[in-house]
Amino acid sequence: MKKLILFGSYSIGKERIYLEVAKFFGLKVYVDKERMKMLKCLRLPKEDFDRLTCDESETPLRVVSLGKITYEGLTEFNEAHKKKNNGIGYTTILGFRPTGWTFGKCGGYQILSLSTPVPI
């Protein structure tokens, strides 16, 4: 079963969320090279920085543009994966849209999921 977990973020921000999830599961988080350059400027603790990778194959956790966390965006990730893997897509894609704008003063989040049935 191939799963993908996406965290939406602007250029910077939401680092505490995706780094805590990575720490909890003992995984790395994929970020693209541009985001990695920006994160280096934040002078994150070594423990946090060591959880980041620019190699997508190392982890099911990815930080992507906040605008990609839509049903259409999740479908695009699945279709791209299928093209690279002989028609085999993800069984589940979970997208987190953490934002302080959703529910007023208290902040909030939105979670989207795209799952496909898995033959037994």
C-alpha atoms as a PDB file:
ATOM      1  CA  MET A   1       0.000   0.000   0.000  1.00  0.00           C
ATOM      2  CA  LYS A   2       1.501   3.286  -1.113  1.00  0.00           C
ATOM      3  CA  LYS A   3       0.444   6.344   0.881  1.00  0.00           C
ATOM      4  CA  LEU A   4       1.261  10.035   0.484  1.00  0.00           C
ATOM      5  CA  ILE A   5       0.816  12.699   3.145  1.00  0.00           C
ATOM      6  CA  LEU A   6       0.948  16.315   1.993  1.00  0.00           C
ATOM      7  CA  PHE A   7       1.345  19.420   4.135  1.00  0.00           C
ATOM      8  CA  GLY A   8       0.311  22.692   2.554  1.00  0.00           C
ATOM      9  CA  SER A   9       2.478  25.703   3.268  1.00  0.00           C
ATOM     10  CA  TYR A  10       3.333  29.089   1.847  1.00  0.00           C
ATOM     11  CA  SER A  11       7.024  29.809   1.120  1.00  0.00           C
ATOM     12  CA  ILE A  12       7.744  29.377   4.805  1.00  0.00           C
ATOM     13  CA  GLY A  13       5.522  28.590   7.716  1.00  0.00           C
ATOM     14  CA  LYS A  14       3.932  25.501   9.233  1.00  0.00           C
ATOM     15  CA  GLU A  15       7.368  23.987   9.926  1.00  0.00           C
ATOM     16  CA  ARG A  16       6.403  22.979  13.468  1.00  0.00           C
ATOM     17  CA  ILE A  17       3.486  20.925  12.166  1.00  0.00           C
ATOM     18  CA  TYR A  18       5.254  18.836   9.543  1.00  0.00           C
ATOM     19  CA  LEU A  19       8.462  18.461  11.555  1.00  0.00           C
ATOM     20  CA  GLU A  20       6.488  17.199  14.583  1.00  0.00           C
ATOM     21  CA  VAL A  21       4.665  14.636  12.430  1.00  0.00           C
ATOM     22  CA  ALA A  22       7.998  13.503  10.955  1.00  0.00           C
ATOM     23  CA  LYS A  23       9.502  13.223  14.430  1.00  0.00           C
ATOM     24  CA  PHE A  24       6.510  11.264  15.765  1.00  0.00           C
ATOM     25  CA  PHE A  25       6.692   8.709  12.927  1.00  0.00           C
ATOM     26  CA  GLY A  26      10.493   8.683  12.674  1.00  0.00           C
ATOM     27  CA  LEU A  27      10.373   9.845   9.052  1.00  0.00           C
ATOM     28  CA  LYS A  28      11.890  12.569   6.929  1.00  0.00           C
ATOM     29  CA  VAL A  29       9.905  15.280   5.155  1.00  0.00           C
ATOM     30  CA  TYR A  30      10.423  16.049   1.470  1.00  0.00           C
ATOM     31  CA  VAL A  31      10.843  19.711   0.536  1.00  0.00           C
ATOM     32  CA  ASP A  32      11.854  21.038  -2.865  1.00  0.00           C
ATOM     33  CA  LYS A  33      15.241  22.707  -3.337  1.00  0.00           C
ATOM     34  CA  GLU A  34      13.832  26.245  -3.193  1.00  0.00           C
ATOM     35  CA  ARG A  35      12.086  25.597   0.116  1.00  0.00           C
ATOM     36  CA  MET A  36      15.247  23.933   1.449  1.00  0.00           C
ATOM     37  CA  LYS A  37      17.213  27.120   0.713  1.00  0.00           C
ATOM     38  CA  MET A  38      14.643  29.179   2.622  1.00  0.00           C
ATOM     39  CA  LEU A  39      14.580  26.746   5.543  1.00  0.00           C
ATOM     40  CA  LYS A  40      18.374  26.942   5.843  1.00  0.00           C
ATOM     41  CA  CYS A  41      17.944  30.663   6.528  1.00  0.00           C
ATOM     42  CA  LEU A  42      15.704  29.877   9.520  1.00  0.00           C
ATOM     43  CA  ARG A  43      18.590  28.203  11.337  1.00  0.00           C
ATOM     44  CA  LEU A  44      16.484  25.313  12.501  1.00  0.00           C
ATOM     45  CA  PRO A  45      17.912  23.041  15.190  1.00  0.00           C
ATOM     46  CA  LYS A  46      20.089  20.283  13.692  1.00  0.00           C
ATOM     47  CA  GLU A  47      17.595  17.628  14.802  1.00  0.00           C
ATOM     48  CA  ASP A  48      14.853  19.337  12.769  1.00  0.00           C
ATOM     49  CA  PHE A  49      17.044  20.078   9.770  1.00  0.00           C
ATOM     50  CA  ASP A  50      18.146  16.429   9.644  1.00  0.00           C
ATOM     51  CA  ARG A  51      14.483  15.459   9.132  1.00  0.00           C
ATOM     52  CA  LEU A  52      14.364  17.313   5.794  1.00  0.00           C
ATOM     53  CA  THR A  53      15.201  15.793   2.417  1.00  0.00           C
ATOM     54  CA  CYS A  54      15.087  16.809  -1.242  1.00  0.00           C
ATOM     55  CA  ASP A  55      14.697  13.171  -2.317  1.00  0.00           C
ATOM     56  CA  GLU A  56      11.000  12.277  -2.775  1.00  0.00           C
ATOM     57  CA  SER A  57      11.744   8.550  -2.624  1.00  0.00           C
ATOM     58  CA  GLU A  58      12.906   8.764   1.019  1.00  0.00           C
ATOM     59  CA  THR A  59       9.536   9.558   2.568  1.00  0.00           C
ATOM     60  CA  PRO A  60       5.761   9.632   2.112  1.00  0.00           C
ATOM     61  CA  LEU A  61       5.655  13.082   3.791  1.00  0.00           C
ATOM     62  CA  ARG A  62       5.832  16.145   1.513  1.00  0.00           C
ATOM     63  CA  VAL A  63       5.528  19.879   1.906  1.00  0.00           C
ATOM     64  CA  VAL A  64       3.763  21.462  -1.057  1.00  0.00           C
ATOM     65  CA  SER A  65       2.143  24.742  -1.966  1.00  0.00           C
ATOM     66  CA  LEU A  66      -0.974  25.377   0.101  1.00  0.00           C
ATOM     67  CA  GLY A  67      -2.939  25.778  -3.144  1.00  0.00           C
ATOM     68  CA  LYS A  68      -2.191  22.146  -4.091  1.00  0.00           C
ATOM     69  CA  ILE A  69      -4.228  20.821  -1.170  1.00  0.00           C
ATOM     70  CA  THR A  70      -7.506  20.425  -3.051  1.00  0.00           C
ATOM     71  CA  TYR A  71      -9.258  17.346  -4.386  1.00  0.00           C
ATOM     72  CA  GLU A  72      -8.008  18.293  -7.840  1.00  0.00           C
ATOM     73  CA  GLY A  73      -4.465  18.744  -6.526  1.00  0.00           C
ATOM     74  CA  LEU A  74      -4.491  15.374  -4.762  1.00  0.00           C
ATOM     75  CA  THR A  75      -5.728  13.768  -7.970  1.00  0.00           C
ATOM     76  CA  GLU A  76      -2.864  15.428  -9.887  1.00  0.00           C
ATOM     77  CA  PHE A  77      -0.309  13.968  -7.444  1.00  0.00           C
ATOM     78  CA  ASN A  78      -1.845  10.525  -7.951  1.00  0.00           C
ATOM     79  CA  GLU A  79      -1.844  10.830 -11.752  1.00  0.00           C
ATOM     80  CA  ALA A  80       1.803  11.984 -11.775  1.00  0.00           C
ATOM     81  CA  HIS A  81       2.732   9.006  -9.601  1.00  0.00           C
ATOM     82  CA  LYS A  82       0.913   6.641 -11.963  1.00  0.00           C
ATOM     83  CA  LYS A  83       2.866   7.994 -14.943  1.00  0.00           C
ATOM     84  CA  LYS A  84       6.171   7.321 -13.167  1.00  0.00           C
ATOM     85  CA  ASN A  85       5.146   3.878 -11.878  1.00  0.00           C
ATOM     86  CA  ASN A  86       3.557   1.929 -14.732  1.00  0.00           C
ATOM     87  CA  GLY A  87      -0.005   2.967 -13.905  1.00  0.00           C
ATOM     88  CA  ILE A  88       0.226   2.225 -10.186  1.00  0.00           C
ATOM     89  CA  GLY A  89      -1.133   5.077  -8.074  1.00  0.00           C
ATOM     90  CA  TYR A  90      -1.242   5.779  -4.373  1.00  0.00           C
ATOM     91  CA  THR A  91      -3.805   3.900  -2.303  1.00  0.00           C
ATOM     92  CA  THR A  92      -4.298   6.932  -0.063  1.00  0.00           C
ATOM     93  CA  ILE A  93      -3.348  10.588  -0.247  1.00  0.00           C
ATOM     94  CA  LEU A  94      -3.958  12.756   2.794  1.00  0.00           C
ATOM     95  CA  GLY A  95      -3.601  16.515   2.504  1.00  0.00           C
ATOM     96  CA  PHE A  96      -3.400  18.960   5.420  1.00  0.00           C
ATOM     97  CA  ARG A  97      -4.227  22.656   4.912  1.00  0.00           C
ATOM     98  CA  PRO A  98      -3.212  24.229   8.212  1.00  0.00           C
ATOM     99  CA  THR A  99      -4.258  27.847   8.369  1.00  0.00           C
ATOM    100  CA  GLY A 100      -5.075  30.541  10.857  1.00  0.00           C
ATOM    101  CA  TRP A 101      -7.694  32.016   8.517  1.00  0.00           C
ATOM    102  CA  THR A 102     -10.220  29.180   8.476  1.00  0.00           C
ATOM    103  CA  PHE A 103     -11.956  29.566  11.820  1.00  0.00           C
ATOM    104  CA  GLY A 104     -11.193  33.096  12.975  1.00  0.00           C
ATOM    105  CA  LYS A 105      -9.183  33.826  16.107  1.00  0.00           C
ATOM    106  CA  CYS A 106      -8.617  30.206  17.077  1.00  0.00           C
ATOM    107  CA  GLY A 107      -7.032  29.165  13.790  1.00  0.00           C
ATOM    108  CA  GLY A 108      -7.901  25.905  12.153  1.00  0.00           C
ATOM    109  CA  TYR A 109      -7.129  23.338   9.526  1.00  0.00           C
ATOM    110  CA  GLN A 110      -8.706  21.462   6.690  1.00  0.00           C
ATOM    111  CA  ILE A 111      -7.950  17.823   5.881  1.00  0.00           C
ATOM    112  CA  LEU A 112      -8.661  16.297   2.475  1.00  0.00           C
ATOM    113  CA  SER A 113      -8.301  12.635   1.603  1.00  0.00           C
ATOM    114  CA  LEU A 114      -8.243  10.740  -1.666  1.00  0.00           C
ATOM    115  CA  SER A 115      -8.393   6.953  -1.298  1.00  0.00           C
ATOM    116  CA  THR A 116      -8.696   4.185  -3.829  1.00  0.00           C
ATOM    117  CA  PRO A 117     -10.011   0.705  -3.045  1.00  0.00           C
ATOM    118  CA  VAL A 118      -7.277  -1.898  -2.693  1.00  0.00           C
ATOM    119  CA  PRO A 119      -7.970  -5.376  -4.096  1.00  0.00           C
ATOM    120  CA  ILE A 120      -7.778  -8.113  -1.457  1.00  0.00           C
END
